[in-house]
Amino acid sequence: MINRIEEHCALAFEDGLYDITGRISVKNFHRASMREISFMKKNYIPHFNTKELEEYLAGITE
């Protein structure tokens, strides 16, 4: 999901929308197109430890 106004991406999961901070409001978010995903990948580099995030997410789904 993407909020073009804030140039912010989030993950739709079950009945909520989440970013690195946790559950967030769905206001102004829509399903990201492939073009929007490409734009975000090209222009934004995450400033957090992706390996740690993946390990955390794997731990909560077990």
PDB file of N, CA and C in Angstrom:
ATOM      1  N   MET A   1       0.854  -1.163   0.000  1.00  0.00           N
ATOM      2  CA  MET A   1       0.000   0.000   0.000  1.00  0.00           C
ATOM      3  C   MET A   1       0.902   1.230   0.000  1.00  0.00           C
ATOM      4  N   ILE A   2       0.403   2.305  -0.583  1.00  0.00           N
ATOM      5  CA  ILE A   2       1.198   3.529  -0.673  1.00  0.00           C
ATOM      6  C   ILE A   2       0.333   4.750  -0.406  1.00  0.00           C
ATOM      7  N   ASN A   3       0.940   5.724   0.225  1.00  0.00           N
ATOM      8  CA  ASN A   3       0.336   7.038   0.430  1.00  0.00           C
ATOM      9  C   ASN A   3       1.191   8.003  -0.382  1.00  0.00           C
ATOM     10  N   ARG A   4       0.725   8.391  -1.548  1.00  0.00           N
ATOM     11  CA  ARG A   4       1.517   9.240  -2.443  1.00  0.00           C
ATOM     12  C   ARG A   4       1.729  10.632  -1.858  1.00  0.00           C
ATOM     13  N   ILE A   5       0.787  11.130  -1.089  1.00  0.00           N
ATOM     14  CA  ILE A   5       0.916  12.459  -0.485  1.00  0.00           C
ATOM     15  C   ILE A   5       2.140  12.510   0.417  1.00  0.00           C
ATOM     16  N   GLU A   6       2.295  11.488   1.243  1.00  0.00           N
ATOM     17  CA  GLU A   6       3.419  11.432   2.187  1.00  0.00           C
ATOM     18  C   GLU A   6       4.601  10.616   1.650  1.00  0.00           C
ATOM     19  N   GLU A   7       4.461  10.033   0.450  1.00  0.00           N
ATOM     20  CA  GLU A   7       5.470   9.136  -0.112  1.00  0.00           C
ATOM     21  C   GLU A   7       5.886   8.092   0.924  1.00  0.00           C
ATOM     22  N   HIS A   8       4.873   7.359   1.383  1.00  0.00           N
ATOM     23  CA  HIS A   8       5.056   6.395   2.465  1.00  0.00           C
ATOM     24  C   HIS A   8       4.437   5.066   2.061  1.00  0.00           C
ATOM     25  N   CYS A   9       5.173   3.985   2.275  1.00  0.00           N
ATOM     26  CA  CYS A   9       4.682   2.641   1.970  1.00  0.00           C
ATOM     27  C   CYS A   9       4.354   1.905   3.263  1.00  0.00           C
ATOM     28  N   ALA A  10       3.402   0.989   3.165  1.00  0.00           N
ATOM     29  CA  ALA A  10       3.015   0.177   4.311  1.00  0.00           C
ATOM     30  C   ALA A  10       2.528  -1.172   3.801  1.00  0.00           C
ATOM     31  N   LEU A  11       2.392  -2.111   4.711  1.00  0.00           N
ATOM     32  CA  LEU A  11       1.979  -3.467   4.389  1.00  0.00           C
ATOM     33  C   LEU A  11       0.555  -3.710   4.881  1.00  0.00           C
ATOM     34  N   ALA A  12      -0.322  -4.137   3.973  1.00  0.00           N
ATOM     35  CA  ALA A  12      -1.667  -4.555   4.365  1.00  0.00           C
ATOM     36  C   ALA A  12      -1.565  -6.004   4.821  1.00  0.00           C
ATOM     37  N   PHE A  13      -1.981  -6.272   6.056  1.00  0.00           N
ATOM     38  CA  PHE A  13      -1.877  -7.614   6.625  1.00  0.00           C
ATOM     39  C   PHE A  13      -3.128  -7.902   7.421  1.00  0.00           C
ATOM     40  N   GLU A  14      -3.820  -8.985   7.062  1.00  0.00           N
ATOM     41  CA  GLU A  14      -5.084  -9.363   7.679  1.00  0.00           C
ATOM     42  C   GLU A  14      -6.024  -8.171   7.672  1.00  0.00           C
ATOM     43  N   ASP A  15      -6.391  -7.627   8.811  1.00  0.00           N
ATOM     44  CA  ASP A  15      -7.377  -6.537   8.821  1.00  0.00           C
ATOM     45  C   ASP A  15      -6.763  -5.178   9.151  1.00  0.00           C
ATOM     46  N   GLY A  16      -5.459  -5.011   8.948  1.00  0.00           N
ATOM     47  CA  GLY A  16      -4.817  -3.744   9.290  1.00  0.00           C
ATOM     48  C   GLY A  16      -3.753  -3.333   8.301  1.00  0.00           C
ATOM     49  N   LEU A  17      -3.220  -2.150   8.533  1.00  0.00           N
ATOM     50  CA  LEU A  17      -2.135  -1.600   7.733  1.00  0.00           C
ATOM     51  C   LEU A  17      -0.979  -1.305   8.668  1.00  0.00           C
ATOM     52  N   TYR A  18       0.226  -1.752   8.288  1.00  0.00           N
ATOM     53  CA  TYR A  18       1.369  -1.663   9.182  1.00  0.00           C
ATOM     54  C   TYR A  18       2.588  -1.079   8.482  1.00  0.00           C
ATOM     55  N   ASP A  19       3.367  -0.298   9.233  1.00  0.00           N
ATOM     56  CA  ASP A  19       4.683   0.115   8.784  1.00  0.00           C
ATOM     57  C   ASP A  19       5.667  -0.271   9.877  1.00  0.00           C
ATOM     58  N   ILE A  20       6.860   0.212   9.821  1.00  0.00           N
ATOM     59  CA  ILE A  20       7.895  -0.186  10.779  1.00  0.00           C
ATOM     60  C   ILE A  20       7.534   0.186  12.224  1.00  0.00           C
ATOM     61  N   THR A  21       6.656   1.163  12.406  1.00  0.00           N
ATOM     62  CA  THR A  21       6.266   1.587  13.751  1.00  0.00           C
ATOM     63  C   THR A  21       5.130   0.760  14.324  1.00  0.00           C
ATOM     64  N   GLY A  22       4.462  -0.030  13.493  1.00  0.00           N
ATOM     65  CA  GLY A  22       3.316  -0.811  13.947  1.00  0.00           C
ATOM     66  C   GLY A  22       2.088  -0.492  13.121  1.00  0.00           C
ATOM     67  N   ARG A  23       0.920  -0.691  13.718  1.00  0.00           N
ATOM     68  CA  ARG A  23      -0.339  -0.467  13.003  1.00  0.00           C
ATOM     69  C   ARG A  23      -0.567   1.025  12.793  1.00  0.00           C
ATOM     70  N   ILE A  24      -0.998   1.372  11.564  1.00  0.00           N
ATOM     71  CA  ILE A  24      -1.230   2.770  11.223  1.00  0.00           C
ATOM     72  C   ILE A  24      -2.590   2.939  10.559  1.00  0.00           C
ATOM     73  N   SER A  25      -3.009   4.187  10.405  1.00  0.00           N
ATOM     74  CA  SER A  25      -4.275   4.515   9.759  1.00  0.00           C
ATOM     75  C   SER A  25      -4.199   4.239   8.262  1.00  0.00           C
ATOM     76  N   VAL A  26      -5.291   3.808   7.671  1.00  0.00           N
ATOM     77  CA  VAL A  26      -5.352   3.549   6.240  1.00  0.00           C
ATOM     78  C   VAL A  26      -5.660   4.815   5.435  1.00  0.00           C
ATOM     79  N   LYS A  27      -5.845   5.932   6.116  1.00  0.00           N
ATOM     80  CA  LYS A  27      -6.203   7.185   5.441  1.00  0.00           C
ATOM     81  C   LYS A  27      -5.175   7.550   4.369  1.00  0.00           C
ATOM     82  N   ASN A  28      -5.664   7.835   3.165  1.00  0.00           N
ATOM     83  CA  ASN A  28      -4.863   8.253   2.005  1.00  0.00           C
ATOM     84  C   ASN A  28      -3.974   7.150   1.425  1.00  0.00           C
ATOM     85  N   PHE A  29      -4.138   5.901   1.846  1.00  0.00           N
ATOM     86  CA  PHE A  29      -3.377   4.794   1.276  1.00  0.00           C
ATOM     87  C   PHE A  29      -4.208   4.091   0.208  1.00  0.00           C
ATOM     88  N   HIS A  30      -3.540   3.570  -0.811  1.00  0.00           N
ATOM     89  CA  HIS A  30      -4.174   2.732  -1.822  1.00  0.00           C
ATOM     90  C   HIS A  30      -3.180   1.655  -2.243  1.00  0.00           C
ATOM     91  N   ARG A  31      -3.688   0.640  -2.938  1.00  0.00           N
ATOM     92  CA  ARG A  31      -2.825  -0.442  -3.410  1.00  0.00           C
ATOM     93  C   ARG A  31      -1.809   0.150  -4.385  1.00  0.00           C
ATOM     94  N   ALA A  32      -0.542  -0.098  -4.142  1.00  0.00           N
ATOM     95  CA  ALA A  32       0.527   0.454  -4.978  1.00  0.00           C
ATOM     96  C   ALA A  32       0.574  -0.257  -6.323  1.00  0.00           C
ATOM     97  N   SER A  33       0.725   0.528  -7.379  1.00  0.00           N
ATOM     98  CA  SER A  33       0.914  -0.044  -8.717  1.00  0.00           C
ATOM     99  C   SER A  33       2.375  -0.476  -8.857  1.00  0.00           C
ATOM    100  N   MET A  34       2.670  -1.262  -9.859  1.00  0.00           N
ATOM    101  CA  MET A  34       4.053  -1.674 -10.099  1.00  0.00           C
ATOM    102  C   MET A  34       4.936  -0.449 -10.358  1.00  0.00           C
ATOM    103  N   ARG A  35       4.396   0.560 -11.017  1.00  0.00           N
ATOM    104  CA  ARG A  35       5.159   1.786 -11.269  1.00  0.00           C
ATOM    105  C   ARG A  35       5.497   2.503  -9.962  1.00  0.00           C
ATOM    106  N   GLU A  36       4.536   2.570  -9.044  1.00  0.00           N
ATOM    107  CA  GLU A  36       4.785   3.212  -7.750  1.00  0.00           C
ATOM    108  C   GLU A  36       5.806   2.426  -6.933  1.00  0.00           C
ATOM    109  N   ILE A  37       5.720   1.108  -6.977  1.00  0.00           N
ATOM    110  CA  ILE A  37       6.685   0.276  -6.257  1.00  0.00           C
ATOM    111  C   ILE A  37       8.082   0.497  -6.829  1.00  0.00           C
ATOM    112  N   SER A  38       8.200   0.532  -8.135  1.00  0.00           N
ATOM    113  CA  SER A  38       9.480   0.775  -8.785  1.00  0.00           C
ATOM    114  C   SER A  38      10.049   2.135  -8.389  1.00  0.00           C
ATOM    115  N   PHE A  39       9.192   3.150  -8.360  1.00  0.00           N
ATOM    116  CA  PHE A  39       9.613   4.498  -7.962  1.00  0.00           C
ATOM    117  C   PHE A  39      10.161   4.501  -6.537  1.00  0.00           C
ATOM    118  N   MET A  40       9.460   3.849  -5.612  1.00  0.00           N
ATOM    119  CA  MET A  40       9.895   3.832  -4.215  1.00  0.00           C
ATOM    120  C   MET A  40      11.213   3.068  -4.075  1.00  0.00           C
ATOM    121  N   LYS A  41      11.360   1.948  -4.767  1.00  0.00           N
ATOM    122  CA  LYS A  41      12.605   1.186  -4.694  1.00  0.00           C
ATOM    123  C   LYS A  41      13.777   1.993  -5.231  1.00  0.00           C
ATOM    124  N   LYS A  42      13.536   2.738  -6.294  1.00  0.00           N
ATOM    125  CA  LYS A  42      14.594   3.508  -6.937  1.00  0.00           C
ATOM    126  C   LYS A  42      15.016   4.726  -6.109  1.00  0.00           C
ATOM    127  N   ASN A  43      14.065   5.355  -5.434  1.00  0.00           N
ATOM    128  CA  ASN A  43      14.331   6.642  -4.794  1.00  0.00           C
ATOM    129  C   ASN A  43      14.490   6.619  -3.282  1.00  0.00           C
ATOM    130  N   TYR A  44      14.139   5.514  -2.648  1.00  0.00           N
ATOM    131  CA  TYR A  44      14.204   5.468  -1.180  1.00  0.00           C
ATOM    132  C   TYR A  44      14.950   4.240  -0.722  1.00  0.00           C
ATOM    133  N   ILE A  45      15.919   4.417   0.127  1.00  0.00           N
ATOM    134  CA  ILE A  45      16.683   3.324   0.713  1.00  0.00           C
ATOM    135  C   ILE A  45      16.291   3.229   2.178  1.00  0.00           C
ATOM    136  N   PRO A  46      15.842   2.069   2.628  1.00  0.00           N
ATOM    137  CA  PRO A  46      15.462   1.953   4.046  1.00  0.00           C
ATOM    138  C   PRO A  46      16.635   2.306   4.969  1.00  0.00           C
ATOM    139  N   HIS A  47      16.323   2.990   6.043  1.00  0.00           N
ATOM    140  CA  HIS A  47      17.338   3.361   7.026  1.00  0.00           C
ATOM    141  C   HIS A  47      17.167   2.547   8.303  1.00  0.00           C
ATOM    142  N   PHE A  48      16.814   1.279   8.138  1.00  0.00           N
ATOM    143  CA  PHE A  48      16.689   0.392   9.285  1.00  0.00           C
ATOM    144  C   PHE A  48      17.278  -0.952   8.914  1.00  0.00           C
ATOM    145  N   ASN A  49      17.516  -1.764   9.908  1.00  0.00           N
ATOM    146  CA  ASN A  49      18.153  -3.052   9.730  1.00  0.00           C
ATOM    147  C   ASN A  49      17.129  -4.055   9.185  1.00  0.00           C
ATOM    148  N   THR A  50      17.164  -4.324   7.879  1.00  0.00           N
ATOM    149  CA  THR A  50      16.165  -5.202   7.276  1.00  0.00           C
ATOM    150  C   THR A  50      16.298  -6.646   7.763  1.00  0.00           C
ATOM    151  N   LYS A  51      17.515  -7.094   8.048  1.00  0.00           N
ATOM    152  CA  LYS A  51      17.691  -8.457   8.551  1.00  0.00           C
ATOM    153  C   LYS A  51      17.015  -8.609   9.912  1.00  0.00           C
ATOM    154  N   GLU A  52      17.193  -7.622  10.779  1.00  0.00           N
ATOM    155  CA  GLU A  52      16.561  -7.666  12.098  1.00  0.00           C
ATOM    156  C   GLU A  52      15.043  -7.654  11.958  1.00  0.00           C
ATOM    157  N   LEU A  53      14.526  -6.848  11.049  1.00  0.00           N
ATOM    158  CA  LEU A  53      13.081  -6.792  10.822  1.00  0.00           C
ATOM    159  C   LEU A  53      12.557  -8.139  10.333  1.00  0.00           C
ATOM    160  N   GLU A  54      13.241  -8.763   9.390  1.00  0.00           N
ATOM    161  CA  GLU A  54      12.814 -10.066   8.881  1.00  0.00           C
ATOM    162  C   GLU A  54      12.813 -11.115   9.984  1.00  0.00           C
ATOM    163  N   GLU A  55      13.822 -11.095  10.852  1.00  0.00           N
ATOM    164  CA  GLU A  55      13.895 -12.049  11.954  1.00  0.00           C
ATOM    165  C   GLU A  55      12.748 -11.816  12.940  1.00  0.00           C
ATOM    166  N   TYR A  56      12.449 -10.554  13.213  1.00  0.00           N
ATOM    167  CA  TYR A  56      11.345 -10.227  14.117  1.00  0.00           C
ATOM    168  C   TYR A  56      10.016 -10.716  13.534  1.00  0.00           C
ATOM    169  N   LEU A  57       9.775 -10.425  12.257  1.00  0.00           N
ATOM    170  CA  LEU A  57       8.532 -10.841  11.622  1.00  0.00           C
ATOM    171  C   LEU A  57       8.419 -12.358  11.572  1.00  0.00           C
ATOM    172  N   ALA A  58       9.518 -13.049  11.326  1.00  0.00           N
ATOM    173  CA  ALA A  58       9.501 -14.506  11.316  1.00  0.00           C
ATOM    174  C   ALA A  58       9.146 -15.041  12.706  1.00  0.00           C
ATOM    175  N   GLY A  59       9.624 -14.380  13.746  1.00  0.00           N
ATOM    176  CA  GLY A  59       9.359 -14.813  15.122  1.00  0.00           C
ATOM    177  C   GLY A  59       7.913 -14.649  15.537  1.00  0.00           C
ATOM    178  N   ILE A  60       7.235 -13.616  15.047  1.00  0.00           N
ATOM    179  CA  ILE A  60       5.834 -13.400  15.473  1.00  0.00           C
ATOM    180  C   ILE A  60       4.853 -14.251  14.686  1.00  0.00           C
ATOM    181  N   THR A  61       5.302 -14.824  13.570  1.00  0.00           N
ATOM    182  CA  THR A  61       4.398 -15.673  12.775  1.00  0.00           C
ATOM    183  C   THR A  61       4.522 -17.144  13.129  1.00  0.00           C
ATOM    184  N   GLU A  62       5.483 -17.484  13.968  1.00  0.00           N
ATOM    185  CA  GLU A  62       5.669 -18.904  14.335  1.00  0.00           C
ATOM    186  C   GLU A  62       4.701 -19.317  15.401  1.00  0.00           C
TER     187      GLU A  62
END
